[in-house]
Amino acid sequence: MNRDVSSIRAELLHLRDQSRAQAAALDSDLRSLFEASRSSNADDEHDPEGSTIAFERAQLTAVLDATRRRLAELDVALRRVEAGTYGVCERCSRPIPAERLAARPSASTCVGCASRTR
């Protein structure tokens, strides 16, 4: 790994802060949508003008779940930095290429191992 530990840690913390803020905003949007649907007596399931409240709720929930998973992955990556195992594949113990870590800083496996798990 070419970069120093402090810059990797700083980047992961920054990404974690961004993910936390995004999760908080999505959670707020979802609560607002629930509140709006409770106070409305509209038949959104049969509204020909657009997506339904149920669809919007499902979309927001899926994005929120993905954001929470990303947050958890970043927390694991930070623990790997502290343990000195960041950038090492957890399956084959080979180095994870810098390009993969640049694209996905929370990666815990090399490309070869990641493609075998799909």
PDB file of N, CA and C in Angstrom:
ATOM      1  N   MET A   1       0.859  -1.173   0.000  1.00  0.00           N
ATOM      2  CA  MET A   1       0.000   0.000   0.000  1.00  0.00           C
ATOM      3  C   MET A   1       0.897   1.226   0.000  1.00  0.00           C
ATOM      4  N   ASN A   2       0.669   2.137  -0.942  1.00  0.00           N
ATOM      5  CA  ASN A   2       1.551   3.281  -1.107  1.00  0.00           C
ATOM      6  C   ASN A   2       1.186   4.463  -0.215  1.00  0.00           C
ATOM      7  N   ARG A   3      -0.038   4.623   0.132  1.00  0.00           N
ATOM      8  CA  ARG A   3      -0.457   5.784   0.921  1.00  0.00           C
ATOM      9  C   ARG A   3      -0.231   5.534   2.400  1.00  0.00           C
ATOM     10  N   ASP A   4      -0.019   6.643   3.133  1.00  0.00           N
ATOM     11  CA  ASP A   4       0.209   6.471   4.568  1.00  0.00           C
ATOM     12  C   ASP A   4      -1.123   6.247   5.294  1.00  0.00           C
ATOM     13  N   VAL A   5      -1.015   5.614   6.436  1.00  0.00           N
ATOM     14  CA  VAL A   5      -2.179   5.204   7.217  1.00  0.00           C
ATOM     15  C   VAL A   5      -3.046   6.403   7.603  1.00  0.00           C
ATOM     16  N   SER A   6      -2.430   7.527   7.956  1.00  0.00           N
ATOM     17  CA  SER A   6      -3.224   8.682   8.396  1.00  0.00           C
ATOM     18  C   SER A   6      -4.081   9.252   7.273  1.00  0.00           C
ATOM     19  N   SER A   7      -3.585   9.258   6.036  1.00  0.00           N
ATOM     20  CA  SER A   7      -4.405   9.773   4.937  1.00  0.00           C
ATOM     21  C   SER A   7      -5.533   8.804   4.583  1.00  0.00           C
ATOM     22  N   ILE A   8      -5.258   7.507   4.685  1.00  0.00           N
ATOM     23  CA  ILE A   8      -6.308   6.501   4.439  1.00  0.00           C
ATOM     24  C   ILE A   8      -7.392   6.630   5.502  1.00  0.00           C
ATOM     25  N   ARG A   9      -6.972   6.740   6.749  1.00  0.00           N
ATOM     26  CA  ARG A   9      -7.924   6.881   7.858  1.00  0.00           C
ATOM     27  C   ARG A   9      -8.758   8.146   7.683  1.00  0.00           C
ATOM     28  N   ALA A  10      -8.119   9.249   7.313  1.00  0.00           N
ATOM     29  CA  ALA A  10      -8.837  10.514   7.110  1.00  0.00           C
ATOM     30  C   ALA A  10      -9.865  10.391   5.992  1.00  0.00           C
ATOM     31  N   GLU A  11      -9.493   9.729   4.903  1.00  0.00           N
ATOM     32  CA  GLU A  11     -10.432   9.541   3.793  1.00  0.00           C
ATOM     33  C   GLU A  11     -11.623   8.684   4.215  1.00  0.00           C
ATOM     34  N   LEU A  12     -11.355   7.601   4.933  1.00  0.00           N
ATOM     35  CA  LEU A  12     -12.429   6.726   5.397  1.00  0.00           C
ATOM     36  C   LEU A  12     -13.351   7.459   6.376  1.00  0.00           C
ATOM     37  N   LEU A  13     -12.780   8.265   7.262  1.00  0.00           N
ATOM     38  CA  LEU A  13     -13.599   9.048   8.194  1.00  0.00           C
ATOM     39  C   LEU A  13     -14.464  10.055   7.444  1.00  0.00           C
ATOM     40  N   HIS A  14     -13.900  10.684   6.426  1.00  0.00           N
ATOM     41  CA  HIS A  14     -14.657  11.642   5.610  1.00  0.00           C
ATOM     42  C   HIS A  14     -15.824  10.934   4.912  1.00  0.00           C
ATOM     43  N   LEU A  15     -15.544   9.779   4.310  1.00  0.00           N
ATOM     44  CA  LEU A  15     -16.600   9.015   3.642  1.00  0.00           C
ATOM     45  C   LEU A  15     -17.668   8.555   4.639  1.00  0.00           C
ATOM     46  N   ARG A  16     -17.231   8.189   5.839  1.00  0.00           N
ATOM     47  CA  ARG A  16     -18.185   7.765   6.873  1.00  0.00           C
ATOM     48  C   ARG A  16     -19.077   8.936   7.286  1.00  0.00           C
ATOM     49  N   ASP A  17     -18.481  10.117   7.445  1.00  0.00           N
ATOM     50  CA  ASP A  17     -19.269  11.308   7.787  1.00  0.00           C
ATOM     51  C   ASP A  17     -20.288  11.619   6.703  1.00  0.00           C
ATOM     52  N   GLN A  18     -19.872  11.512   5.442  1.00  0.00           N
ATOM     53  CA  GLN A  18     -20.797  11.740   4.328  1.00  0.00           C
ATOM     54  C   GLN A  18     -21.938  10.726   4.353  1.00  0.00           C
ATOM     55  N   SER A  19     -21.599   9.470   4.598  1.00  0.00           N
ATOM     56  CA  SER A  19     -22.621   8.420   4.629  1.00  0.00           C
ATOM     57  C   SER A  19     -23.581   8.619   5.797  1.00  0.00           C
ATOM     58  N   ARG A  20     -23.055   9.034   6.946  1.00  0.00           N
ATOM     59  CA  ARG A  20     -23.919   9.307   8.102  1.00  0.00           C
ATOM     60  C   ARG A  20     -24.895  10.441   7.786  1.00  0.00           C
ATOM     61  N   ALA A  21     -24.392  11.502   7.170  1.00  0.00           N
ATOM     62  CA  ALA A  21     -25.249  12.634   6.814  1.00  0.00           C
ATOM     63  C   ALA A  21     -26.309  12.209   5.804  1.00  0.00           C
ATOM     64  N   GLN A  22     -25.902  11.403   4.827  1.00  0.00           N
ATOM     65  CA  GLN A  22     -26.861  10.929   3.832  1.00  0.00           C
ATOM     66  C   GLN A  22     -27.917  10.034   4.485  1.00  0.00           C
ATOM     67  N   ALA A  23     -27.503   9.160   5.385  1.00  0.00           N
ATOM     68  CA  ALA A  23     -28.457   8.281   6.076  1.00  0.00           C
ATOM     69  C   ALA A  23     -29.429   9.101   6.912  1.00  0.00           C
ATOM     70  N   ALA A  24     -28.937  10.125   7.587  1.00  0.00           N
ATOM     71  CA  ALA A  24     -29.819  10.979   8.397  1.00  0.00           C
ATOM     72  C   ALA A  24     -30.831  11.701   7.520  1.00  0.00           C
ATOM     73  N   ALA A  25     -30.388  12.213   6.374  1.00  0.00           N
ATOM     74  CA  ALA A  25     -31.292  12.914   5.459  1.00  0.00           C
ATOM     75  C   ALA A  25     -32.337  11.954   4.883  1.00  0.00           C
ATOM     76  N   LEU A  26     -31.904  10.766   4.495  1.00  0.00           N
ATOM     77  CA  LEU A  26     -32.837   9.781   3.955  1.00  0.00           C
ATOM     78  C   LEU A  26     -33.843   9.340   5.008  1.00  0.00           C
ATOM     79  N   ASP A  27     -33.366   9.141   6.225  1.00  0.00           N
ATOM     80  CA  ASP A  27     -34.254   8.757   7.314  1.00  0.00           C
ATOM     81  C   ASP A  27     -35.297   9.847   7.554  1.00  0.00           C
ATOM     82  N   SER A  28     -34.878  11.092   7.521  1.00  0.00           N
ATOM     83  CA  SER A  28     -35.805  12.215   7.686  1.00  0.00           C
ATOM     84  C   SER A  28     -36.828  12.258   6.548  1.00  0.00           C
ATOM     85  N   ASP A  29     -36.353  12.050   5.320  1.00  0.00           N
ATOM     86  CA  ASP A  29     -37.257  12.023   4.169  1.00  0.00           C
ATOM     87  C   ASP A  29     -38.278  10.897   4.298  1.00  0.00           C
ATOM     88  N   LEU A  30     -37.813   9.752   4.750  1.00  0.00           N
ATOM     89  CA  LEU A  30     -38.703   8.605   4.910  1.00  0.00           C
ATOM     90  C   LEU A  30     -39.760   8.872   5.979  1.00  0.00           C
ATOM     91  N   ARG A  31     -39.327   9.452   7.107  1.00  0.00           N
ATOM     92  CA  ARG A  31     -40.294   9.802   8.154  1.00  0.00           C
ATOM     93  C   ARG A  31     -41.306  10.816   7.644  1.00  0.00           C
ATOM     94  N   SER A  32     -40.843  11.785   6.868  1.00  0.00           N
ATOM     95  CA  SER A  32     -41.749  12.785   6.301  1.00  0.00           C
ATOM     96  C   SER A  32     -42.750  12.137   5.354  1.00  0.00           C
ATOM     97  N   LEU A  33     -42.278  11.183   4.577  1.00  0.00           N
ATOM     98  CA  LEU A  33     -43.169  10.485   3.647  1.00  0.00           C
ATOM     99  C   LEU A  33     -44.215   9.675   4.409  1.00  0.00           C
ATOM    100  N   PHE A  34     -43.797   9.001   5.479  1.00  0.00           N
ATOM    101  CA  PHE A  34     -44.751   8.257   6.309  1.00  0.00           C
ATOM    102  C   PHE A  34     -45.796   9.205   6.893  1.00  0.00           C
ATOM    103  N   GLU A  35     -45.326  10.325   7.402  1.00  0.00           N
ATOM    104  CA  GLU A  35     -46.238  11.312   7.999  1.00  0.00           C
ATOM    105  C   GLU A  35     -47.211  11.864   6.963  1.00  0.00           C
ATOM    106  N   ALA A  36     -46.712  12.166   5.778  1.00  0.00           N
ATOM    107  CA  ALA A  36     -47.571  12.692   4.716  1.00  0.00           C
ATOM    108  C   ALA A  36     -48.610  11.669   4.286  1.00  0.00           C
ATOM    109  N   SER A  37     -48.210  10.407   4.231  1.00  0.00           N
ATOM    110  CA  SER A  37     -49.164   9.380   3.802  1.00  0.00           C
ATOM    111  C   SER A  37     -50.212   9.113   4.874  1.00  0.00           C
ATOM    112  N   ARG A  38     -49.848   9.317   6.142  1.00  0.00           N
ATOM    113  CA  ARG A  38     -50.818   9.144   7.223  1.00  0.00           C
ATOM    114  C   ARG A  38     -51.877  10.234   7.204  1.00  0.00           C
ATOM    115  N   SER A  39     -51.454  11.447   6.892  1.00  0.00           N
ATOM    116  CA  SER A  39     -52.384  12.575   6.937  1.00  0.00           C
ATOM    117  C   SER A  39     -53.159  12.766   5.638  1.00  0.00           C
ATOM    118  N   SER A  40     -52.845  11.973   4.636  1.00  0.00           N
ATOM    119  CA  SER A  40     -53.529  12.103   3.350  1.00  0.00           C
ATOM    120  C   SER A  40     -54.520  10.952   3.175  1.00  0.00           C
ATOM    121  N   ASN A  41     -55.651  11.274   2.613  1.00  0.00           N
ATOM    122  CA  ASN A  41     -56.608  10.202   2.325  1.00  0.00           C
ATOM    123  C   ASN A  41     -56.677   9.923   0.830  1.00  0.00           C
ATOM    124  N   ALA A  42     -55.666  10.377   0.101  1.00  0.00           N
ATOM    125  CA  ALA A  42     -55.621  10.174  -1.353  1.00  0.00           C
ATOM    126  C   ALA A  42     -55.413   8.703  -1.676  1.00  0.00           C
ATOM    127  N   ASP A  43     -55.973   8.297  -2.769  1.00  0.00           N
ATOM    128  CA  ASP A  43     -55.810   6.931  -3.249  1.00  0.00           C
ATOM    129  C   ASP A  43     -54.608   6.910  -4.184  1.00  0.00           C
ATOM    130  N   ASP A  44     -53.425   6.893  -3.607  1.00  0.00           N
ATOM    131  CA  ASP A  44     -52.217   6.989  -4.418  1.00  0.00           C
ATOM    132  C   ASP A  44     -51.967   5.741  -5.258  1.00  0.00           C
ATOM    133  N   GLU A  45     -52.552   4.628  -4.896  1.00  0.00           N
ATOM    134  CA  GLU A  45     -52.363   3.395  -5.651  1.00  0.00           C
ATOM    135  C   GLU A  45     -52.998   3.464  -7.036  1.00  0.00           C
ATOM    136  N   HIS A  46     -53.951   4.357  -7.202  1.00  0.00           N
ATOM    137  CA  HIS A  46     -54.641   4.447  -8.490  1.00  0.00           C
ATOM    138  C   HIS A  46     -54.447   5.804  -9.152  1.00  0.00           C
ATOM    139  N   ASP A  47     -53.444   6.540  -8.739  1.00  0.00           N
ATOM    140  CA  ASP A  47     -53.153   7.851  -9.304  1.00  0.00           C
ATOM    141  C   ASP A  47     -52.397   7.669 -10.619  1.00  0.00           C
ATOM    142  N   PRO A  48     -53.013   8.025 -11.762  1.00  0.00           N
ATOM    143  CA  PRO A  48     -52.356   7.840 -13.058  1.00  0.00           C
ATOM    144  C   PRO A  48     -51.260   8.867 -13.325  1.00  0.00           C
ATOM    145  N   GLU A  49     -51.102   9.846 -12.456  1.00  0.00           N
ATOM    146  CA  GLU A  49     -50.171  10.942 -12.699  1.00  0.00           C
ATOM    147  C   GLU A  49     -48.728  10.647 -12.284  1.00  0.00           C
ATOM    148  N   GLY A  50     -48.479   9.619 -11.548  1.00  0.00           N
ATOM    149  CA  GLY A  50     -47.098   9.402 -11.127  1.00  0.00           C
ATOM    150  C   GLY A  50     -46.929   8.204 -10.241  1.00  0.00           C
ATOM    151  N   SER A  51     -45.769   8.152  -9.618  1.00  0.00           N
ATOM    152  CA  SER A  51     -45.458   7.007  -8.771  1.00  0.00           C
ATOM    153  C   SER A  51     -46.286   7.055  -7.490  1.00  0.00           C
ATOM    154  N   THR A  52     -46.459   5.914  -6.914  1.00  0.00           N
ATOM    155  CA  THR A  52     -47.262   5.816  -5.701  1.00  0.00           C
ATOM    156  C   THR A  52     -46.414   6.097  -4.469  1.00  0.00           C
ATOM    157  N   ILE A  53     -47.089   6.412  -3.401  1.00  0.00           N
ATOM    158  CA  ILE A  53     -46.386   6.625  -2.139  1.00  0.00           C
ATOM    159  C   ILE A  53     -45.666   5.345  -1.731  1.00  0.00           C
ATOM    160  N   ALA A  54     -46.290   4.211  -1.993  1.00  0.00           N
ATOM    161  CA  ALA A  54     -45.655   2.932  -1.655  1.00  0.00           C
ATOM    162  C   ALA A  54     -44.363   2.746  -2.440  1.00  0.00           C
ATOM    163  N   PHE A  55     -44.369   3.126  -3.699  1.00  0.00           N
ATOM    164  CA  PHE A  55     -43.173   3.017  -4.523  1.00  0.00           C
ATOM    165  C   PHE A  55     -42.083   3.948  -3.997  1.00  0.00           C
ATOM    166  N   GLU A  56     -42.449   5.180  -3.683  1.00  0.00           N
ATOM    167  CA  GLU A  56     -41.479   6.139  -3.148  1.00  0.00           C
ATOM    168  C   GLU A  56     -40.903   5.645  -1.822  1.00  0.00           C
ATOM    169  N   ARG A  57     -41.772   5.092  -0.987  1.00  0.00           N
ATOM    170  CA  ARG A  57     -41.336   4.559   0.303  1.00  0.00           C
ATOM    171  C   ARG A  57     -40.356   3.400   0.086  1.00  0.00           C
ATOM    172  N   ALA A  58     -40.665   2.518  -0.851  1.00  0.00           N
ATOM    173  CA  ALA A  58     -39.785   1.384  -1.140  1.00  0.00           C
ATOM    174  C   ALA A  58     -38.442   1.862  -1.677  1.00  0.00           C
ATOM    175  N   GLN A  59     -38.474   2.867  -2.531  1.00  0.00           N
ATOM    176  CA  GLN A  59     -37.233   3.416  -3.079  1.00  0.00           C
ATOM    177  C   GLN A  59     -36.371   4.033  -1.982  1.00  0.00           C
ATOM    178  N   LEU A  60     -36.980   4.874  -1.166  1.00  0.00           N
ATOM    179  CA  LEU A  60     -36.238   5.514  -0.073  1.00  0.00           C
ATOM    180  C   LEU A  60     -35.682   4.475   0.898  1.00  0.00           C
ATOM    181  N   THR A  61     -36.470   3.472   1.201  1.00  0.00           N
ATOM    182  CA  THR A  61     -36.026   2.421   2.118  1.00  0.00           C
ATOM    183  C   THR A  61     -34.829   1.673   1.550  1.00  0.00           C
ATOM    184  N   ALA A  62     -34.865   1.365   0.253  1.00  0.00           N
ATOM    185  CA  ALA A  62     -33.754   0.649  -0.380  1.00  0.00           C
ATOM    186  C   ALA A  62     -32.474   1.486  -0.371  1.00  0.00           C
ATOM    187  N   VAL A  63     -32.598   2.767  -0.675  1.00  0.00           N
ATOM    188  CA  VAL A  63     -31.421   3.637  -0.680  1.00  0.00           C
ATOM    189  C   VAL A  63     -30.886   3.806   0.745  1.00  0.00           C
ATOM    190  N   LEU A  64     -31.764   3.948   1.710  1.00  0.00           N
ATOM    191  CA  LEU A  64     -31.347   4.066   3.108  1.00  0.00           C
ATOM    192  C   LEU A  64     -30.631   2.795   3.565  1.00  0.00           C
ATOM    193  N   ASP A  65     -31.166   1.635   3.214  1.00  0.00           N
ATOM    194  CA  ASP A  65     -30.519   0.365   3.576  1.00  0.00           C
ATOM    195  C   ASP A  65     -29.120   0.271   2.959  1.00  0.00           C
ATOM    196  N   ALA A  66     -28.986   0.654   1.691  1.00  0.00           N
ATOM    197  CA  ALA A  66     -27.685   0.623   1.019  1.00  0.00           C
ATOM    198  C   ALA A  66     -26.704   1.583   1.690  1.00  0.00           C
ATOM    199  N   THR A  67     -27.192   2.739   2.093  1.00  0.00           N
ATOM    200  CA  THR A  67     -26.343   3.716   2.764  1.00  0.00           C
ATOM    201  C   THR A  67     -25.886   3.189   4.116  1.00  0.00           C
ATOM    202  N   ARG A  68     -26.772   2.537   4.832  1.00  0.00           N
ATOM    203  CA  ARG A  68     -26.398   1.957   6.129  1.00  0.00           C
ATOM    204  C   ARG A  68     -25.383   0.819   5.958  1.00  0.00           C
ATOM    205  N   ARG A  69     -25.535   0.032   4.895  1.00  0.00           N
ATOM    206  CA  ARG A  69     -24.555  -1.034   4.621  1.00  0.00           C
ATOM    207  C   ARG A  69     -23.185  -0.419   4.313  1.00  0.00           C
ATOM    208  N   ARG A  70     -23.184   0.660   3.520  1.00  0.00           N
ATOM    209  CA  ARG A  70     -21.928   1.342   3.189  1.00  0.00           C
ATOM    210  C   ARG A  70     -21.275   1.874   4.475  1.00  0.00           C
ATOM    211  N   LEU A  71     -22.080   2.431   5.347  1.00  0.00           N
ATOM    212  CA  LEU A  71     -21.565   2.944   6.620  1.00  0.00           C
ATOM    213  C   LEU A  71     -20.926   1.820   7.431  1.00  0.00           C
ATOM    214  N   ALA A  72     -21.570   0.685   7.488  1.00  0.00           N
ATOM    215  CA  ALA A  72     -21.026  -0.469   8.213  1.00  0.00           C
ATOM    216  C   ALA A  72     -19.720  -0.949   7.571  1.00  0.00           C
ATOM    217  N   GLU A  73     -19.667  -0.961   6.239  1.00  0.00           N
ATOM    218  CA  GLU A  73     -18.447  -1.369   5.537  1.00  0.00           C
ATOM    219  C   GLU A  73     -17.297  -0.402   5.834  1.00  0.00           C
ATOM    220  N   LEU A  74     -17.608   0.884   5.908  1.00  0.00           N
ATOM    221  CA  LEU A  74     -16.578   1.874   6.218  1.00  0.00           C
ATOM    222  C   LEU A  74     -16.072   1.699   7.651  1.00  0.00           C
ATOM    223  N   ASP A  75     -16.960   1.358   8.571  1.00  0.00           N
ATOM    224  CA  ASP A  75     -16.541   1.093   9.956  1.00  0.00           C
ATOM    225  C   ASP A  75     -15.594  -0.107  10.016  1.00  0.00           C
ATOM    226  N   VAL A  76     -15.908  -1.148   9.246  1.00  0.00           N
ATOM    227  CA  VAL A  76     -15.033  -2.324   9.191  1.00  0.00           C
ATOM    228  C   VAL A  76     -13.681  -1.935   8.582  1.00  0.00           C
ATOM    229  N   ALA A  77     -13.703  -1.130   7.532  1.00  0.00           N
ATOM    230  CA  ALA A  77     -12.456  -0.692   6.897  1.00  0.00           C
ATOM    231  C   ALA A  77     -11.596   0.103   7.888  1.00  0.00           C
ATOM    232  N   LEU A  78     -12.232   0.944   8.683  1.00  0.00           N
ATOM    233  CA  LEU A  78     -11.485   1.697   9.699  1.00  0.00           C
ATOM    234  C   LEU A  78     -10.861   0.771  10.736  1.00  0.00           C
ATOM    235  N   ARG A  79     -11.587  -0.265  11.126  1.00  0.00           N
ATOM    236  CA  ARG A  79     -11.015  -1.245  12.063  1.00  0.00           C
ATOM    237  C   ARG A  79      -9.827  -1.976  11.430  1.00  0.00           C
ATOM    238  N   ARG A  80      -9.919  -2.240  10.121  1.00  0.00           N
ATOM    239  CA  ARG A  80      -8.817  -2.894   9.411  1.00  0.00           C
ATOM    240  C   ARG A  80      -7.588  -1.978   9.357  1.00  0.00           C
ATOM    241  N   VAL A  81      -7.817  -0.677   9.200  1.00  0.00           N
ATOM    242  CA  VAL A  81      -6.701   0.276   9.228  1.00  0.00           C
ATOM    243  C   VAL A  81      -6.015   0.202  10.586  1.00  0.00           C
ATOM    244  N   GLU A  82      -6.808   0.258  11.651  1.00  0.00           N
ATOM    245  CA  GLU A  82      -6.256   0.218  13.015  1.00  0.00           C
ATOM    246  C   GLU A  82      -5.517  -1.096  13.290  1.00  0.00           C
ATOM    247  N   ALA A  83      -6.011  -2.178  12.697  1.00  0.00           N
ATOM    248  CA  ALA A  83      -5.390  -3.496  12.918  1.00  0.00           C
ATOM    249  C   ALA A  83      -4.194  -3.732  12.000  1.00  0.00           C
ATOM    250  N   GLY A  84      -3.988  -2.833  11.035  1.00  0.00           N
ATOM    251  CA  GLY A  84      -2.879  -2.995  10.096  1.00  0.00           C
ATOM    252  C   GLY A  84      -3.161  -3.962   8.972  1.00  0.00           C
ATOM    253  N   THR A  85      -4.435  -4.302   8.762  1.00  0.00           N
ATOM    254  CA  THR A  85      -4.786  -5.256   7.702  1.00  0.00           C
ATOM    255  C   THR A  85      -5.511  -4.602   6.525  1.00  0.00           C
ATOM    256  N   TYR A  86      -5.639  -3.273   6.545  1.00  0.00           N
ATOM    257  CA  TYR A  86      -6.295  -2.580   5.433  1.00  0.00           C
ATOM    258  C   TYR A  86      -5.442  -2.762   4.178  1.00  0.00           C
ATOM    259  N   GLY A  87      -6.093  -3.064   3.076  1.00  0.00           N
ATOM    260  CA  GLY A  87      -5.385  -3.241   1.806  1.00  0.00           C
ATOM    261  C   GLY A  87      -4.899  -4.655   1.572  1.00  0.00           C
ATOM    262  N   VAL A  88      -5.240  -5.563   2.492  1.00  0.00           N
ATOM    263  CA  VAL A  88      -4.880  -6.968   2.359  1.00  0.00           C
ATOM    264  C   VAL A  88      -6.176  -7.769   2.237  1.00  0.00           C
ATOM    265  N   CYS A  89      -6.261  -8.608   1.231  1.00  0.00           N
ATOM    266  CA  CYS A  89      -7.469  -9.410   1.000  1.00  0.00           C
ATOM    267  C   CYS A  89      -7.716 -10.320   2.202  1.00  0.00           C
ATOM    268  N   GLU A  90      -8.934 -10.291   2.700  1.00  0.00           N
ATOM    269  CA  GLU A  90      -9.246 -11.118   3.873  1.00  0.00           C
ATOM    270  C   GLU A  90      -9.387 -12.594   3.525  1.00  0.00           C
ATOM    271  N   ARG A  91      -9.427 -12.932   2.246  1.00  0.00           N
ATOM    272  CA  ARG A  91      -9.559 -14.335   1.849  1.00  0.00           C
ATOM    273  C   ARG A  91      -8.219 -14.966   1.473  1.00  0.00           C
ATOM    274  N   CYS A  92      -7.471 -14.288   0.579  1.00  0.00           N
ATOM    275  CA  CYS A  92      -6.227 -14.891   0.072  1.00  0.00           C
ATOM    276  C   CYS A  92      -4.965 -14.242   0.639  1.00  0.00           C
ATOM    277  N   SER A  93      -5.134 -13.177   1.405  1.00  0.00           N
ATOM    278  CA  SER A  93      -4.025 -12.448   2.051  1.00  0.00           C
ATOM    279  C   SER A  93      -3.088 -11.739   1.075  1.00  0.00           C
ATOM    280  N   ARG A  94      -3.507 -11.604  -0.177  1.00  0.00           N
ATOM    281  CA  ARG A  94      -2.710 -10.836  -1.144  1.00  0.00           C
ATOM    282  C   ARG A  94      -3.100  -9.373  -1.041  1.00  0.00           C
ATOM    283  N   PRO A  95      -2.223  -8.482  -1.505  1.00  0.00           N
ATOM    284  CA  PRO A  95      -2.570  -7.056  -1.496  1.00  0.00           C
ATOM    285  C   PRO A  95      -3.761  -6.760  -2.411  1.00  0.00           C
ATOM    286  N   ILE A  96      -4.621  -5.867  -1.962  1.00  0.00           N
ATOM    287  CA  ILE A  96      -5.740  -5.392  -2.785  1.00  0.00           C
ATOM    288  C   ILE A  96      -5.171  -4.259  -3.634  1.00  0.00           C
ATOM    289  N   PRO A  97      -5.338  -4.324  -4.959  1.00  0.00           N
ATOM    290  CA  PRO A  97      -4.768  -3.286  -5.819  1.00  0.00           C
ATOM    291  C   PRO A  97      -5.249  -1.876  -5.434  1.00  0.00           C
ATOM    292  N   ALA A  98      -4.341  -0.917  -5.543  1.00  0.00           N
ATOM    293  CA  ALA A  98      -4.647   0.476  -5.201  1.00  0.00           C
ATOM    294  C   ALA A  98      -5.834   0.999  -6.002  1.00  0.00           C
ATOM    295  N   GLU A  99      -5.955   0.552  -7.249  1.00  0.00           N
ATOM    296  CA  GLU A  99      -7.074   0.999  -8.083  1.00  0.00           C
ATOM    297  C   GLU A  99      -8.411   0.561  -7.498  1.00  0.00           C
ATOM    298  N   ARG A 100      -8.449  -0.662  -6.978  1.00  0.00           N
ATOM    299  CA  ARG A 100      -9.695  -1.169  -6.359  1.00  0.00           C
ATOM    300  C   ARG A 100     -10.007  -0.375  -5.097  1.00  0.00           C
ATOM    301  N   LEU A 101      -8.997  -0.108  -4.292  1.00  0.00           N
ATOM    302  CA  LEU A 101      -9.222   0.662  -3.069  1.00  0.00           C
ATOM    303  C   LEU A 101      -9.613   2.106  -3.379  1.00  0.00           C
ATOM    304  N   ALA A 102      -9.112   2.647  -4.480  1.00  0.00           N
ATOM    305  CA  ALA A 102      -9.508   4.003  -4.876  1.00  0.00           C
ATOM    306  C   ALA A 102     -10.972   4.026  -5.299  1.00  0.00           C
ATOM    307  N   ALA A 103     -11.399   2.981  -6.002  1.00  0.00           N
ATOM    308  CA  ALA A 103     -12.787   2.904  -6.458  1.00  0.00           C
ATOM    309  C   ALA A 103     -13.733   2.511  -5.333  1.00  0.00           C
ATOM    310  N   ARG A 104     -13.268   1.653  -4.450  1.00  0.00           N
ATOM    311  CA  ARG A 104     -14.093   1.157  -3.344  1.00  0.00           C
ATOM    312  C   ARG A 104     -13.240   1.080  -2.083  1.00  0.00           C
ATOM    313  N   PRO A 105     -13.112   2.209  -1.386  1.00  0.00           N
ATOM    314  CA  PRO A 105     -12.215   2.264  -0.219  1.00  0.00           C
ATOM    315  C   PRO A 105     -12.524   1.246   0.874  1.00  0.00           C
ATOM    316  N   SER A 106     -13.739   0.739   0.920  1.00  0.00           N
ATOM    317  CA  SER A 106     -14.086  -0.224   1.963  1.00  0.00           C
ATOM    318  C   SER A 106     -13.867  -1.675   1.526  1.00  0.00           C
ATOM    319  N   ALA A 107     -13.267  -1.886   0.356  1.00  0.00           N
ATOM    320  CA  ALA A 107     -13.047  -3.248  -0.146  1.00  0.00           C
ATOM    321  C   ALA A 107     -12.212  -4.060   0.836  1.00  0.00           C
ATOM    322  N   SER A 108     -12.650  -5.275   1.075  1.00  0.00           N
ATOM    323  CA  SER A 108     -11.909  -6.155   1.981  1.00  0.00           C
ATOM    324  C   SER A 108     -11.364  -7.377   1.250  1.00  0.00           C
ATOM    325  N   THR A 109     -11.653  -7.464  -0.048  1.00  0.00           N
ATOM    326  CA  THR A 109     -11.146  -8.577  -0.856  1.00  0.00           C
ATOM    327  C   THR A 109     -10.557  -8.032  -2.155  1.00  0.00           C
ATOM    328  N   CYS A 110      -9.646  -8.795  -2.723  1.00  0.00           N
ATOM    329  CA  CYS A 110      -9.093  -8.441  -4.029  1.00  0.00           C
ATOM    330  C   CYS A 110     -10.160  -8.726  -5.086  1.00  0.00           C
ATOM    331  N   VAL A 111      -9.930  -8.296  -6.293  1.00  0.00           N
ATOM    332  CA  VAL A 111     -10.914  -8.480  -7.372  1.00  0.00           C
ATOM    333  C   VAL A 111     -11.174  -9.956  -7.619  1.00  0.00           C
ATOM    334  N   GLY A 112     -10.124 -10.759  -7.629  1.00  0.00           N
ATOM    335  CA  GLY A 112     -10.283 -12.196  -7.883  1.00  0.00           C
ATOM    336  C   GLY A 112     -11.176 -12.870  -6.858  1.00  0.00           C
ATOM    337  N   CYS A 113     -10.936 -12.594  -5.588  1.00  0.00           N
ATOM    338  CA  CYS A 113     -11.764 -13.193  -4.528  1.00  0.00           C
ATOM    339  C   CYS A 113     -13.180 -12.640  -4.548  1.00  0.00           C
ATOM    340  N   ALA A 114     -13.306 -11.358  -4.846  1.00  0.00           N
ATOM    341  CA  ALA A 114     -14.647 -10.748  -4.903  1.00  0.00           C
ATOM    342  C   ALA A 114     -15.468 -11.359  -6.030  1.00  0.00           C
ATOM    343  N   SER A 115     -14.840 -11.643  -7.162  1.00  0.00           N
ATOM    344  CA  SER A 115     -15.595 -12.185  -8.287  1.00  0.00           C
ATOM    345  C   SER A 115     -15.971 -13.645  -8.059  1.00  0.00           C
ATOM    346  N   ARG A 116     -15.223 -14.344  -7.215  1.00  0.00           N
ATOM    347  CA  ARG A 116     -15.552 -15.752  -6.917  1.00  0.00           C
ATOM    348  C   ARG A 116     -16.725 -15.890  -5.961  1.00  0.00           C
ATOM    349  N   THR A 117     -17.063 -14.822  -5.250  1.00  0.00           N
ATOM    350  CA  THR A 117     -18.157 -14.910  -4.273  1.00  0.00           C
ATOM    351  C   THR A 117     -19.507 -14.554  -4.866  1.00  0.00           C
ATOM    352  N   ARG A 118     -19.537 -14.165  -6.091  1.00  0.00           N
ATOM    353  CA  ARG A 118     -20.817 -13.773  -6.710  1.00  0.00           C
ATOM    354  C   ARG A 118     -21.578 -14.924  -7.230  1.00  0.00           C
TER     355      ARG A 118
END
